[in-house]
């Protein structure tokens, strides 16, 4: 399973979103500092809408998402852009 698919699956299971997009933007960042040679999937953008985020600050929304994706972030994902909204 690709990193993108694991991120999608984890966020789907954790937040039961009404809308979810996981976009691999790694090709735009090849050669940047912090990107290890040989790693293909390193930069992602997440657009997610879920009832879980309703009434939460942007910081709290991001903390929830980062916590859910801890294994991916520790395992090679270099950057994660988050666009979260409550339903």
PDB file of N, CA and C in Angstrom:
ATOM      1  N   UNK A   1       0.853  -1.179   0.000  1.00  0.00           N
ATOM      2  CA  UNK A   1       0.000   0.000   0.000  1.00  0.00           C
ATOM      3  C   UNK A   1       0.901   1.246   0.000  1.00  0.00           C
ATOM      4  N   UNK A   2       0.561   2.218  -0.812  1.00  0.00           N
ATOM      5  CA  UNK A   2       1.348   3.448  -0.897  1.00  0.00           C
ATOM      6  C   UNK A   2       1.171   4.294   0.369  1.00  0.00           C
ATOM      7  N   UNK A   3       2.082   5.214   0.588  1.00  0.00           N
ATOM      8  CA  UNK A   3       1.977   6.139   1.721  1.00  0.00           C
ATOM      9  C   UNK A   3       0.690   6.948   1.603  1.00  0.00           C
ATOM     10  N   UNK A   4       0.394   7.411   0.397  1.00  0.00           N
ATOM     11  CA  UNK A   4      -0.835   8.171   0.175  1.00  0.00           C
ATOM     12  C   UNK A   4      -2.054   7.357   0.581  1.00  0.00           C
ATOM     13  N   UNK A   5      -2.100   6.093   0.200  1.00  0.00           N
ATOM     14  CA  UNK A   5      -3.230   5.234   0.542  1.00  0.00           C
ATOM     15  C   UNK A   5      -3.318   4.984   2.044  1.00  0.00           C
ATOM     16  N   UNK A   6      -2.168   4.827   2.704  1.00  0.00           N
ATOM     17  CA  UNK A   6      -2.186   4.634   4.161  1.00  0.00           C
ATOM     18  C   UNK A   6      -2.707   5.882   4.870  1.00  0.00           C
ATOM     19  N   UNK A   7      -2.271   7.067   4.406  1.00  0.00           N
ATOM     20  CA  UNK A   7      -2.765   8.319   4.981  1.00  0.00           C
ATOM     21  C   UNK A   7      -4.277   8.412   4.789  1.00  0.00           C
ATOM     22  N   UNK A   8      -4.748   8.141   3.582  1.00  0.00           N
ATOM     23  CA  UNK A   8      -6.180   8.197   3.287  1.00  0.00           C
ATOM     24  C   UNK A   8      -6.952   7.241   4.197  1.00  0.00           C
ATOM     25  N   UNK A   9      -6.471   6.022   4.311  1.00  0.00           N
ATOM     26  CA  UNK A   9      -7.150   5.009   5.133  1.00  0.00           C
ATOM     27  C   UNK A   9      -7.187   5.431   6.613  1.00  0.00           C
ATOM     28  N   UNK A  10      -6.050   5.882   7.116  1.00  0.00           N
ATOM     29  CA  UNK A  10      -5.978   6.286   8.529  1.00  0.00           C
ATOM     30  C   UNK A  10      -6.928   7.439   8.824  1.00  0.00           C
ATOM     31  N   UNK A  11      -6.923   8.454   7.985  1.00  0.00           N
ATOM     32  CA  UNK A  11      -7.802   9.608   8.205  1.00  0.00           C
ATOM     33  C   UNK A  11      -9.273   9.228   8.045  1.00  0.00           C
ATOM     34  N   UNK A  12      -9.573   8.355   7.107  1.00  0.00           N
ATOM     35  CA  UNK A  12     -10.960   7.898   6.915  1.00  0.00           C
ATOM     36  C   UNK A  12     -11.471   7.172   8.140  1.00  0.00           C
ATOM     37  N   UNK A  13     -10.648   6.269   8.663  1.00  0.00           N
ATOM     38  CA  UNK A  13     -11.051   5.475   9.826  1.00  0.00           C
ATOM     39  C   UNK A  13     -11.128   6.316  11.094  1.00  0.00           C
ATOM     40  N   UNK A  14     -10.216   7.257  11.244  1.00  0.00           N
ATOM     41  CA  UNK A  14     -10.131   8.046  12.476  1.00  0.00           C
ATOM     42  C   UNK A  14     -11.195   9.134  12.548  1.00  0.00           C
ATOM     43  N   UNK A  15     -11.433   9.830  11.424  1.00  0.00           N
ATOM     44  CA  UNK A  15     -12.274  11.020  11.465  1.00  0.00           C
ATOM     45  C   UNK A  15     -13.602  10.885  10.729  1.00  0.00           C
ATOM     46  N   UNK A  16     -13.841   9.788  10.029  1.00  0.00           N
ATOM     47  CA  UNK A  16     -15.102   9.585   9.286  1.00  0.00           C
ATOM     48  C   UNK A  16     -15.510  10.855   8.542  1.00  0.00           C
ATOM     49  N   UNK A  17     -14.634  11.347   7.678  1.00  0.00           N
ATOM     50  CA  UNK A  17     -14.884  12.646   7.043  1.00  0.00           C
ATOM     51  C   UNK A  17     -16.011  12.623   6.017  1.00  0.00           C
ATOM     52  N   UNK A  18     -16.643  13.775   5.856  1.00  0.00           N
ATOM     53  CA  UNK A  18     -17.617  13.957   4.789  1.00  0.00           C
ATOM     54  C   UNK A  18     -16.905  14.211   3.473  1.00  0.00           C
ATOM     55  N   UNK A  19     -15.694  14.735   3.568  1.00  0.00           N
ATOM     56  CA  UNK A  19     -14.862  14.994   2.387  1.00  0.00           C
ATOM     57  C   UNK A  19     -13.413  14.759   2.779  1.00  0.00           C
ATOM     58  N   UNK A  20     -12.671  14.086   1.891  1.00  0.00           N
ATOM     59  CA  UNK A  20     -11.262  13.830   2.149  1.00  0.00           C
ATOM     60  C   UNK A  20     -10.510  13.732   0.830  1.00  0.00           C
ATOM     61  N   UNK A  21      -9.456  14.516   0.732  1.00  0.00           N
ATOM     62  CA  UNK A  21      -8.523  14.441  -0.393  1.00  0.00           C
ATOM     63  C   UNK A  21      -7.122  14.333   0.189  1.00  0.00           C
ATOM     64  N   UNK A  22      -6.344  13.409  -0.339  1.00  0.00           N
ATOM     65  CA  UNK A  22      -4.933  13.300   0.020  1.00  0.00           C
ATOM     66  C   UNK A  22      -4.162  13.413  -1.285  1.00  0.00           C
ATOM     67  N   UNK A  23      -3.394  14.490  -1.410  1.00  0.00           N
ATOM     68  CA  UNK A  23      -2.704  14.802  -2.651  1.00  0.00           C
ATOM     69  C   UNK A  23      -1.203  14.653  -2.431  1.00  0.00           C
ATOM     70  N   UNK A  24      -0.570  13.825  -3.257  1.00  0.00           N
ATOM     71  CA  UNK A  24       0.870  13.628  -3.195  1.00  0.00           C
ATOM     72  C   UNK A  24       1.534  14.749  -3.994  1.00  0.00           C
ATOM     73  N   UNK A  25       2.252  15.620  -3.295  1.00  0.00           N
ATOM     74  CA  UNK A  25       2.949  16.738  -3.929  1.00  0.00           C
ATOM     75  C   UNK A  25       4.466  16.527  -3.939  1.00  0.00           C
ATOM     76  N   UNK A  26       4.879  15.291  -3.749  1.00  0.00           N
ATOM     77  CA  UNK A  26       6.302  14.980  -3.618  1.00  0.00           C
ATOM     78  C   UNK A  26       7.120  15.401  -4.823  1.00  0.00           C
ATOM     79  N   UNK A  27       6.563  15.272  -6.009  1.00  0.00           N
ATOM     80  CA  UNK A  27       7.316  15.603  -7.221  1.00  0.00           C
ATOM     81  C   UNK A  27       7.705  17.077  -7.279  1.00  0.00           C
ATOM     82  N   UNK A  28       7.001  17.918  -6.537  1.00  0.00           N
ATOM     83  CA  UNK A  28       7.304  19.356  -6.511  1.00  0.00           C
ATOM     84  C   UNK A  28       8.454  19.691  -5.556  1.00  0.00           C
ATOM     85  N   UNK A  29       8.917  18.694  -4.788  1.00  0.00           N
ATOM     86  CA  UNK A  29       9.883  18.958  -3.718  1.00  0.00           C
ATOM     87  C   UNK A  29      11.157  18.122  -3.818  1.00  0.00           C
ATOM     88  N   UNK A  30      11.359  17.438  -4.894  1.00  0.00           N
ATOM     89  CA  UNK A  30      12.571  16.623  -5.045  1.00  0.00           C
ATOM     90  C   UNK A  30      13.813  17.509  -4.909  1.00  0.00           C
ATOM     91  N   UNK A  31      14.785  17.019  -4.153  1.00  0.00           N
ATOM     92  CA  UNK A  31      16.030  17.752  -3.978  1.00  0.00           C
ATOM     93  C   UNK A  31      16.023  18.769  -2.854  1.00  0.00           C
ATOM     94  N   UNK A  32      14.885  18.958  -2.188  1.00  0.00           N
ATOM     95  CA  UNK A  32      14.833  19.916  -1.072  1.00  0.00           C
ATOM     96  C   UNK A  32      15.567  19.368   0.145  1.00  0.00           C
ATOM     97  N   UNK A  33      16.041  20.259   0.969  1.00  0.00           N
ATOM     98  CA  UNK A  33      16.707  19.883   2.218  1.00  0.00           C
ATOM     99  C   UNK A  33      15.738  19.062   3.063  1.00  0.00           C
ATOM    100  N   UNK A  34      16.231  17.988   3.651  1.00  0.00           N
ATOM    101  CA  UNK A  34      15.417  17.151   4.525  1.00  0.00           C
ATOM    102  C   UNK A  34      14.757  15.994   3.816  1.00  0.00           C
ATOM    103  N   UNK A  35      14.792  15.980   2.503  1.00  0.00           N
ATOM    104  CA  UNK A  35      14.217  14.869   1.746  1.00  0.00           C
ATOM    105  C   UNK A  35      15.334  13.883   1.484  1.00  0.00           C
ATOM    106  N   UNK A  36      15.177  12.675   1.977  1.00  0.00           N
ATOM    107  CA  UNK A  36      16.206  11.654   1.843  1.00  0.00           C
ATOM    108  C   UNK A  36      16.189  11.047   0.445  1.00  0.00           C
ATOM    109  N   UNK A  37      17.353  10.876  -0.135  1.00  0.00           N
ATOM    110  CA  UNK A  37      17.417  10.240  -1.457  1.00  0.00           C
ATOM    111  C   UNK A  37      16.768   8.859  -1.418  1.00  0.00           C
ATOM    112  N   UNK A  38      16.047   8.546  -2.451  1.00  0.00           N
ATOM    113  CA  UNK A  38      15.402   7.236  -2.532  1.00  0.00           C
ATOM    114  C   UNK A  38      13.971   7.218  -2.022  1.00  0.00           C
ATOM    115  N   UNK A  39      13.592   8.193  -1.231  1.00  0.00           N
ATOM    116  CA  UNK A  39      12.202   8.267  -0.767  1.00  0.00           C
ATOM    117  C   UNK A  39      11.375   8.951  -1.832  1.00  0.00           C
ATOM    118  N   UNK A  40      10.285   8.326  -2.201  1.00  0.00           N
ATOM    119  CA  UNK A  40       9.473   8.844  -3.294  1.00  0.00           C
ATOM    120  C   UNK A  40       8.300   9.667  -2.776  1.00  0.00           C
ATOM    121  N   UNK A  41       7.605   9.176  -1.769  1.00  0.00           N
ATOM    122  CA  UNK A  41       6.416   9.850  -1.237  1.00  0.00           C
ATOM    123  C   UNK A  41       6.787  10.583   0.058  1.00  0.00           C
ATOM    124  N   UNK A  42       6.952  11.902  -0.036  1.00  0.00           N
ATOM    125  CA  UNK A  42       7.444  12.660   1.114  1.00  0.00           C
ATOM    126  C   UNK A  42       6.606  13.885   1.474  1.00  0.00           C
ATOM    127  N   UNK A  43       5.872  14.433   0.524  1.00  0.00           N
ATOM    128  CA  UNK A  43       5.123  15.674   0.740  1.00  0.00           C
ATOM    129  C   UNK A  43       3.658  15.474   0.342  1.00  0.00           C
ATOM    130  N   UNK A  44       2.767  15.818   1.263  1.00  0.00           N
ATOM    131  CA  UNK A  44       1.346  15.621   1.010  1.00  0.00           C
ATOM    132  C   UNK A  44       0.530  16.833   1.419  1.00  0.00           C
ATOM    133  N   UNK A  45      -0.595  16.984   0.765  1.00  0.00           N
ATOM    134  CA  UNK A  45      -1.607  17.974   1.135  1.00  0.00           C
ATOM    135  C   UNK A  45      -2.878  17.192   1.478  1.00  0.00           C
ATOM    136  N   UNK A  46      -3.470  17.518   2.622  1.00  0.00           N
ATOM    137  CA  UNK A  46      -4.703  16.873   3.064  1.00  0.00           C
ATOM    138  C   UNK A  46      -5.798  17.927   3.137  1.00  0.00           C
ATOM    139  N   UNK A  47      -6.912  17.638   2.491  1.00  0.00           N
ATOM    140  CA  UNK A  47      -8.123  18.460   2.612  1.00  0.00           C
ATOM    141  C   UNK A  47      -9.180  17.555   3.233  1.00  0.00           C
ATOM    142  N   UNK A  48      -9.648  17.949   4.403  1.00  0.00           N
ATOM    143  CA  UNK A  48     -10.550  17.083   5.146  1.00  0.00           C
ATOM    144  C   UNK A  48     -11.636  17.912   5.830  1.00  0.00           C
ATOM    145  N   UNK A  49     -12.853  17.390   5.786  1.00  0.00           N
ATOM    146  CA  UNK A  49     -13.986  17.981   6.494  1.00  0.00           C
ATOM    147  C   UNK A  49     -14.616  16.887   7.341  1.00  0.00           C
ATOM    148  N   UNK A  50     -14.739  17.159   8.629  1.00  0.00           N
ATOM    149  CA  UNK A  50     -15.270  16.161   9.555  1.00  0.00           C
ATOM    150  C   UNK A  50     -15.972  16.846  10.727  1.00  0.00           C
ATOM    151  N   UNK A  51     -16.968  16.184  11.257  1.00  0.00           N
ATOM    152  CA  UNK A  51     -17.660  16.682  12.448  1.00  0.00           C
ATOM    153  C   UNK A  51     -16.708  16.767  13.639  1.00  0.00           C
ATOM    154  N   UNK A  52     -15.674  15.927  13.632  1.00  0.00           N
ATOM    155  CA  UNK A  52     -14.704  15.916  14.731  1.00  0.00           C
ATOM    156  C   UNK A  52     -14.038  17.286  14.898  1.00  0.00           C
ATOM    157  N   UNK A  53     -13.905  18.035  13.813  1.00  0.00           N
ATOM    158  CA  UNK A  53     -13.210  19.315  13.857  1.00  0.00           C
ATOM    159  C   UNK A  53     -14.114  20.492  14.209  1.00  0.00           C
ATOM    160  N   UNK A  54     -15.404  20.288  14.267  1.00  0.00           N
ATOM    161  CA  UNK A  54     -16.343  21.371  14.558  1.00  0.00           C
ATOM    162  C   UNK A  54     -16.030  21.986  15.920  1.00  0.00           C
ATOM    163  N   UNK A  55     -15.916  23.311  15.946  1.00  0.00           N
ATOM    164  CA  UNK A  55     -15.675  24.032  17.188  1.00  0.00           C
ATOM    165  C   UNK A  55     -14.244  23.983  17.686  1.00  0.00           C
ATOM    166  N   UNK A  56     -13.355  23.296  16.974  1.00  0.00           N
ATOM    167  CA  UNK A  56     -11.961  23.213  17.394  1.00  0.00           C
ATOM    168  C   UNK A  56     -11.136  24.268  16.662  1.00  0.00           C
ATOM    169  N   UNK A  57     -10.114  24.749  17.341  1.00  0.00           N
ATOM    170  CA  UNK A  57      -9.208  25.718  16.718  1.00  0.00           C
ATOM    171  C   UNK A  57      -8.408  25.021  15.615  1.00  0.00           C
ATOM    172  N   UNK A  58      -7.842  25.823  14.760  1.00  0.00           N
ATOM    173  CA  UNK A  58      -7.003  25.285  13.687  1.00  0.00           C
ATOM    174  C   UNK A  58      -5.838  24.483  14.263  1.00  0.00           C
ATOM    175  N   UNK A  59      -5.253  24.985  15.329  1.00  0.00           N
ATOM    176  CA  UNK A  59      -4.136  24.284  15.976  1.00  0.00           C
ATOM    177  C   UNK A  59      -4.587  22.922  16.498  1.00  0.00           C
ATOM    178  N   UNK A  60      -5.744  22.869  17.141  1.00  0.00           N
ATOM    179  CA  UNK A  60      -6.248  21.599  17.663  1.00  0.00           C
ATOM    180  C   UNK A  60      -6.584  20.627  16.529  1.00  0.00           C
ATOM    181  N   UNK A  61      -7.130  21.138  15.435  1.00  0.00           N
ATOM    182  CA  UNK A  61      -7.409  20.286  14.277  1.00  0.00           C
ATOM    183  C   UNK A  61      -6.115  19.670  13.758  1.00  0.00           C
ATOM    184  N   UNK A  62      -5.084  20.483  13.619  1.00  0.00           N
ATOM    185  CA  UNK A  62      -3.802  20.004  13.111  1.00  0.00           C
ATOM    186  C   UNK A  62      -3.168  19.010  14.076  1.00  0.00           C
ATOM    187  N   UNK A  63      -3.283  19.268  15.364  1.00  0.00           N
ATOM    188  CA  UNK A  63      -2.737  18.327  16.352  1.00  0.00           C
ATOM    189  C   UNK A  63      -3.416  16.966  16.250  1.00  0.00           C
ATOM    190  N   UNK A  64      -4.720  16.960  16.069  1.00  0.00           N
ATOM    191  CA  UNK A  64      -5.447  15.692  15.929  1.00  0.00           C
ATOM    192  C   UNK A  64      -4.972  14.921  14.698  1.00  0.00           C
ATOM    193  N   UNK A  65      -4.830  15.615  13.593  1.00  0.00           N
ATOM    194  CA  UNK A  65      -4.395  14.973  12.353  1.00  0.00           C
ATOM    195  C   UNK A  65      -2.954  14.487  12.484  1.00  0.00           C
ATOM    196  N   UNK A  66      -2.073  15.320  13.000  1.00  0.00           N
ATOM    197  CA  UNK A  66      -0.679  14.912  13.186  1.00  0.00           C
ATOM    198  C   UNK A  66      -0.558  13.717  14.117  1.00  0.00           C
ATOM    199  N   UNK A  67      -1.374  13.681  15.144  1.00  0.00           N
ATOM    200  CA  UNK A  67      -1.365  12.544  16.062  1.00  0.00           C
ATOM    201  C   UNK A  67      -1.817  11.266  15.356  1.00  0.00           C
ATOM    202  N   UNK A  68      -2.864  11.373  14.560  1.00  0.00           N
ATOM    203  CA  UNK A  68      -3.366  10.199  13.827  1.00  0.00           C
ATOM    204  C   UNK A  68      -2.340   9.683  12.826  1.00  0.00           C
ATOM    205  N   UNK A  69      -1.536  10.580  12.281  1.00  0.00           N
ATOM    206  CA  UNK A  69      -0.561  10.208  11.253  1.00  0.00           C
ATOM    207  C   UNK A  69       0.867  10.111  11.795  1.00  0.00           C
ATOM    208  N   UNK A  70       1.003   9.953  13.104  1.00  0.00           N
ATOM    209  CA  UNK A  70       2.318   9.916  13.739  1.00  0.00           C
ATOM    210  C   UNK A  70       3.258   8.911  13.088  1.00  0.00           C
ATOM    211  N   UNK A  71       2.786   7.701  12.828  1.00  0.00           N
ATOM    212  CA  UNK A  71       3.650   6.681  12.233  1.00  0.00           C
ATOM    213  C   UNK A  71       4.166   7.109  10.862  1.00  0.00           C
ATOM    214  N   UNK A  72       3.313   7.715  10.064  1.00  0.00           N
ATOM    215  CA  UNK A  72       3.733   8.169   8.737  1.00  0.00           C
ATOM    216  C   UNK A  72       4.721   9.330   8.846  1.00  0.00           C
ATOM    217  N   UNK A  73       4.460  10.255   9.761  1.00  0.00           N
ATOM    218  CA  UNK A  73       5.339  11.403   9.937  1.00  0.00           C
ATOM    219  C   UNK A  73       6.699  10.973  10.489  1.00  0.00           C
ATOM    220  N   UNK A  74       6.705   9.982  11.363  1.00  0.00           N
ATOM    221  CA  UNK A  74       7.963   9.459  11.897  1.00  0.00           C
ATOM    222  C   UNK A  74       8.689   8.588  10.872  1.00  0.00           C
ATOM    223  N   UNK A  75       7.940   8.066   9.906  1.00  0.00           N
ATOM    224  CA  UNK A  75       8.501   7.094   8.979  1.00  0.00           C
ATOM    225  C   UNK A  75       8.921   7.635   7.629  1.00  0.00           C
ATOM    226  N   UNK A  76       8.961   8.930   7.430  1.00  0.00           N
ATOM    227  CA  UNK A  76       9.473   9.421   6.171  1.00  0.00           C
ATOM    228  C   UNK A  76       8.683  10.522   5.501  1.00  0.00           C
ATOM    229  N   UNK A  77       7.461  10.773   5.955  1.00  0.00           N
ATOM    230  CA  UNK A  77       6.730  11.908   5.394  1.00  0.00           C
ATOM    231  C   UNK A  77       7.403  13.173   5.922  1.00  0.00           C
ATOM    232  N   UNK A  78       7.878  13.985   5.011  1.00  0.00           N
ATOM    233  CA  UNK A  78       8.658  15.166   5.376  1.00  0.00           C
ATOM    234  C   UNK A  78       7.772  16.388   5.630  1.00  0.00           C
ATOM    235  N   UNK A  79       6.662  16.493   4.880  1.00  0.00           N
ATOM    236  CA  UNK A  79       5.797  17.667   5.024  1.00  0.00           C
ATOM    237  C   UNK A  79       4.343  17.278   4.796  1.00  0.00           C
ATOM    238  N   UNK A  80       3.482  17.906   5.584  1.00  0.00           N
ATOM    239  CA  UNK A  80       2.055  17.657   5.493  1.00  0.00           C
ATOM    240  C   UNK A  80       1.328  18.997   5.578  1.00  0.00           C
ATOM    241  N   UNK A  81       0.733  19.416   4.471  1.00  0.00           N
ATOM    242  CA  UNK A  81      -0.082  20.637   4.457  1.00  0.00           C
ATOM    243  C   UNK A  81      -1.515  20.220   4.775  1.00  0.00           C
ATOM    244  N   UNK A  82      -2.130  20.891   5.725  1.00  0.00           N
ATOM    245  CA  UNK A  82      -3.453  20.486   6.207  1.00  0.00           C
ATOM    246  C   UNK A  82      -4.455  21.614   5.980  1.00  0.00           C
ATOM    247  N   UNK A  83      -5.562  21.254   5.363  1.00  0.00           N
ATOM    248  CA  UNK A  83      -6.713  22.147   5.215  1.00  0.00           C
ATOM    249  C   UNK A  83      -7.895  21.392   5.833  1.00  0.00           C
ATOM    250  N   UNK A  84      -8.237  21.743   7.075  1.00  0.00           N
ATOM    251  CA  UNK A  84      -9.283  21.033   7.808  1.00  0.00           C
ATOM    252  C   UNK A  84     -10.450  21.954   8.106  1.00  0.00           C
ATOM    253  N   UNK A  85     -11.658  21.384   8.061  1.00  0.00           N
ATOM    254  CA  UNK A  85     -12.874  22.121   8.385  1.00  0.00           C
ATOM    255  C   UNK A  85     -13.808  21.220   9.172  1.00  0.00           C
ATOM    256  N   UNK A  86     -14.557  21.848  10.073  1.00  0.00           N
ATOM    257  CA  UNK A  86     -15.590  21.114  10.791  1.00  0.00           C
ATOM    258  C   UNK A  86     -16.885  21.141   9.983  1.00  0.00           C
ATOM    259  N   UNK A  87     -17.657  20.093  10.113  1.00  0.00           N
ATOM    260  CA  UNK A  87     -18.964  20.036   9.431  1.00  0.00           C
ATOM    261  C   UNK A  87     -20.053  20.534  10.354  1.00  0.00           C
TER     262      UNK A  87
END
